[in-house]
Each structure stands twice: as C-alpha cells, then as structure tokens.
Amino acid sequence: MAKVKIATVWLESCAGCHMSLLDVDEFIIDLSKLVEFRRSPITDIKGFDDVVVGIIEGCIGNEEEKEVAEELRQHSQIIMALGDCACFGGVCAMRNTLDKADVLKRAYIDTPSTYKGKIPKSPGVPELLNKVYPVNQIIKVDCYIPGCPPEPEAIKYGLTELLAGRIPVVPSNIMRFD
C-alpha cells in the first residue's frame, strides 16, 4: 500500500505545534510506516508535491506566509490547521490591535538598541500584511486541532482519523486550553 503524502509548514508561530507533533512518542514510528512527509520544517524540500494532507502551524501575517498557505491549499486534498495560531490567530494576532506602520516603526526605529534604524524594504524581507489572520480567513481549512501547543494525543487523534478517511473533530477531553 502506498504511503499517504503529507506536507507541513510553519508560518507565524513559535514551532511548539511541530514539537508536539514530534512528541507523539512511539506513534511516530507507526506513523512513519503509513505516511511520507513531502515537506516539513525539518526537511530541505522547498516546493510542494500534491499531497493528501497539508498541515499548517501558525497564522498568516506577511505576504510570503499567505503565498505558502495558498500554494499548500492548491496541492492538498485536506488542510489541517494545527494549534491556536493557525486556528484563531493566537498570540501573534495581538498585533491586530496596533497599526502596521507603528509596529514597523517600533521594531526597526524606536528600539533602544537600534542604530540608524530604517524599516527594511528588500526582496528578502516579506511585506507585512495589515493584520494577522488565522488560516481559515485566507484559505479553506478542513479540520482544526487547537491548543497552544496541541496535546500530542489530539494530534495523534487527528492524524489517525484522517488516515481512516474521516475528518476529525477533536474531543474536548484531549484538547489543551491554556
């Protein structure tokens, strides 16, 4: 039987969700027999193949993240939002209470350690969006695994359901509400 192809991306977040994915203990060995990770933060694969499941950790706060999410959506049958940032905007969405220009000025000009600060404008620095978005405000999301970070059991449950051909709805007793 062919392995199910999965791609994961890490957008605007802390990487805690991918750490929880690695923290599923011995299930990761069973999972490796069933799935093939075509892209993840720990591989050097840059493009997207067509996959069954695309997993997005993090919210969308700049143009590059928006493009990555849109491209993953195009190449995925199912998109899973993993963690509170992807599901709701998380801590990163606190920026939404401020004006984008004020955020950039504070980060690059007004900080005490800034020397001759200027707001970067180059091809290597993605343009900030005016606000931070949970994934479902940019692309269609098929299932959600909330938590900050999600409990490994919730991730295991979600992946097990997807591999069985079902869209998971995570029971509240295995979710983390911090």
Protein backbone atom coordinates (compact mmCIF):
# COMPACT_ATOMS: atom_id res chain seq x y z
CA MET A 1 0.00 0.00 0.00
CA ALA A 2 1.30 3.46 -0.92
CA LYS A 3 2.06 5.83 1.90
CA VAL A 4 -0.16 8.87 2.41
CA LYS A 5 1.71 12.02 1.41
CA ILE A 6 1.73 14.83 3.97
CA ALA A 7 3.26 18.31 3.87
CA THR A 8 3.63 20.57 6.90
CA VAL A 9 4.53 24.25 7.04
CA TRP A 10 5.50 26.54 9.89
CA LEU A 11 4.16 30.04 9.40
CA GLU A 12 3.94 32.82 12.02
CA SER A 13 4.31 30.95 15.30
CA CYS A 14 6.80 29.52 17.77
CA ALA A 15 7.18 25.94 16.41
CA GLY A 16 5.58 24.45 19.52
CA CYS A 17 2.99 22.63 17.41
CA HIS A 18 5.66 20.83 15.40
CA MET A 19 7.37 19.97 18.67
CA SER A 20 4.10 18.40 19.86
CA LEU A 21 3.91 16.51 16.57
CA LEU A 22 7.32 15.03 17.37
CA ASP A 23 6.13 14.34 20.93
CA VAL A 24 3.59 11.66 19.94
CA ASP A 25 6.08 9.11 21.28
CA GLU A 26 6.06 5.66 19.69
CA PHE A 27 3.11 6.63 17.46
CA ILE A 28 5.63 8.46 15.28
CA ILE A 29 7.16 5.08 14.38
CA ASP A 30 3.77 3.70 13.39
CA LEU A 31 3.03 6.93 11.54
CA SER A 32 6.27 6.69 9.56
CA LYS A 33 5.06 3.36 8.15
CA LEU A 34 1.84 4.97 6.89
CA VAL A 35 2.86 8.45 5.73
CA GLU A 36 5.55 10.15 3.72
CA PHE A 37 6.40 13.72 4.71
CA ARG A 38 6.93 15.55 1.42
CA ARG A 39 7.70 18.88 3.05
CA SER A 40 8.22 19.95 6.64
CA PRO A 41 10.28 22.47 8.61
CA ILE A 42 12.93 19.78 9.16
CA THR A 43 13.41 18.81 5.52
CA ASP A 44 15.16 20.72 2.78
CA ILE A 45 12.30 20.23 0.30
CA LYS A 46 11.29 23.68 -0.93
CA GLY A 47 8.39 23.06 -3.34
CA PHE A 48 5.07 21.32 -2.94
CA ASP A 49 4.06 17.98 -4.40
CA ASP A 50 0.41 17.02 -4.45
CA VAL A 51 -0.37 15.60 -1.01
CA VAL A 52 -3.37 14.19 0.77
CA VAL A 53 -2.90 16.26 3.95
CA GLY A 54 -1.40 19.72 4.30
CA ILE A 55 -0.76 20.75 7.91
CA ILE A 56 -0.34 24.43 8.75
CA GLU A 57 1.15 25.62 12.01
CA GLY A 58 0.94 29.33 12.59
CA CYS A 59 -1.11 32.27 11.46
CA ILE A 60 -0.63 34.43 8.38
CA GLY A 61 0.98 37.81 8.95
CA ASN A 62 3.01 38.53 5.82
CA GLU A 63 2.84 38.10 2.06
CA GLU A 64 5.19 35.11 1.97
CA GLU A 65 3.12 33.21 4.56
CA LYS A 66 -0.02 33.98 2.57
CA GLU A 67 1.59 32.61 -0.61
CA VAL A 68 2.80 29.46 1.18
CA ALA A 69 -0.68 28.79 2.60
CA GLU A 70 -2.32 29.35 -0.79
CA GLU A 71 0.17 27.08 -2.55
CA LEU A 72 -0.24 24.33 0.05
CA ARG A 73 -4.04 24.58 -0.35
CA GLN A 74 -3.66 24.13 -4.13
CA HIS A 75 -1.61 20.95 -3.61
CA SER A 76 -3.58 19.40 -0.72
CA GLN A 77 -6.79 17.42 -0.59
CA ILE A 78 -7.24 18.28 3.10
CA ILE A 79 -5.86 21.20 5.11
CA MET A 80 -5.41 20.82 8.86
CA ALA A 81 -4.95 23.96 10.99
CA LEU A 82 -2.63 22.88 13.81
CA GLY A 83 -2.55 24.94 17.00
CA ASP A 84 -4.16 28.12 18.25
CA CYS A 85 -2.20 30.43 15.93
CA ALA A 86 -3.43 28.58 12.83
CA CYS A 87 -6.95 28.10 14.22
CA PHE A 88 -7.57 31.52 15.79
CA GLY A 89 -4.56 33.81 15.22
CA GLY A 90 -3.06 33.09 18.64
CA VAL A 91 -0.59 35.35 20.38
CA CYS A 92 0.65 36.71 17.04
CA ALA A 93 -2.77 38.27 16.41
CA MET A 94 -2.15 40.68 19.30
CA ARG A 95 -0.51 42.79 16.59
CA ASN A 96 -4.03 43.41 15.22
CA THR A 97 -4.62 45.94 18.00
CA LEU A 98 -1.88 48.16 16.53
CA ASP A 99 -1.35 49.99 13.28
CA LYS A 100 1.11 48.23 10.93
CA ALA A 101 3.19 51.42 10.49
CA ASP A 102 3.51 51.80 14.28
CA VAL A 103 4.60 48.16 14.63
CA LEU A 104 7.32 48.57 12.00
CA LYS A 105 8.49 51.89 13.46
CA ARG A 106 8.77 50.37 16.94
CA ALA A 107 10.57 47.26 15.71
CA TYR A 108 13.09 48.94 13.42
CA ILE A 109 13.45 52.57 14.51
CA ASP A 110 12.37 53.23 18.12
CA THR A 111 14.03 50.33 19.95
CA PRO A 112 16.80 51.33 22.38
CA SER A 113 19.33 49.11 20.61
CA THR A 114 18.61 50.46 17.10
CA TYR A 115 21.47 52.25 15.41
CA LYS A 116 20.49 54.33 12.37
CA GLY A 117 17.33 52.27 12.11
CA LYS A 118 15.28 52.03 8.99
CA ILE A 119 12.36 49.85 8.01
CA PRO A 120 13.73 47.13 5.72
CA LYS A 121 12.48 47.06 2.17
CA SER A 122 14.14 44.27 0.23
CA PRO A 123 13.20 41.08 -1.62
CA GLY A 124 14.44 39.02 1.33
CA VAL A 125 12.03 40.58 3.83
CA PRO A 126 8.37 39.73 3.20
CA GLU A 127 5.86 42.59 3.33
CA LEU A 128 3.73 42.55 6.49
CA LEU A 129 0.01 42.28 5.96
CA ASN A 130 -2.11 44.96 7.61
CA LYS A 131 -3.22 42.39 10.18
CA VAL A 132 -2.60 38.80 11.25
CA TYR A 133 -5.08 36.17 10.06
CA PRO A 134 -6.00 32.69 11.21
CA VAL A 135 -5.55 30.31 8.29
CA ASN A 136 -9.27 29.94 7.53
CA GLN A 137 -9.53 33.66 6.74
CA ILE A 138 -7.10 33.16 3.82
CA ILE A 139 -7.75 29.60 2.58
CA LYS A 140 -10.30 26.83 3.11
CA VAL A 141 -9.49 24.71 6.17
CA ASP A 142 -10.95 21.22 6.52
CA CYS A 143 -10.10 20.36 10.12
CA TYR A 144 -8.76 22.01 13.25
CA ILE A 145 -6.50 20.75 16.03
CA PRO A 146 -6.45 23.64 18.55
CA GLY A 147 -4.16 24.05 21.53
CA CYS A 148 -1.09 26.04 22.45
CA PRO A 149 0.51 23.75 21.64
CA PRO A 150 -1.95 20.95 20.89
CA GLU A 151 -1.67 17.93 23.10
CA PRO A 152 0.19 15.09 21.34
CA GLU A 153 -2.93 12.94 21.91
CA ALA A 154 -5.01 15.47 19.95
CA ILE A 155 -2.53 15.39 17.07
CA LYS A 156 -2.46 11.60 17.15
CA TYR A 157 -6.26 11.52 17.16
CA GLY A 158 -6.48 13.96 14.25
CA LEU A 159 -3.97 12.09 12.10
CA THR A 160 -5.49 8.70 12.94
CA GLU A 161 -8.94 9.95 11.89
CA LEU A 162 -7.58 11.41 8.64
CA LEU A 163 -5.74 8.20 7.80
CA ALA A 164 -9.01 6.32 8.38
CA GLY A 165 -10.71 8.62 5.86
CA ARG A 166 -12.61 10.71 8.40
CA ILE A 167 -12.42 14.45 9.11
CA PRO A 168 -11.53 14.72 12.80
CA VAL A 169 -13.44 16.71 15.39
CA VAL A 170 -11.17 16.65 18.41
CA PRO A 171 -12.96 15.74 21.67
CA SER A 172 -12.58 18.42 24.34
CA ASN A 173 -11.06 15.99 26.86
CA ILE A 174 -7.85 15.77 24.78
CA MET A 175 -7.52 19.47 23.96
CA ARG A 176 -5.33 21.95 25.79
CA PHE A 177 -6.89 25.21 26.95
CA ASP A 178 -4.01 27.38 28.23
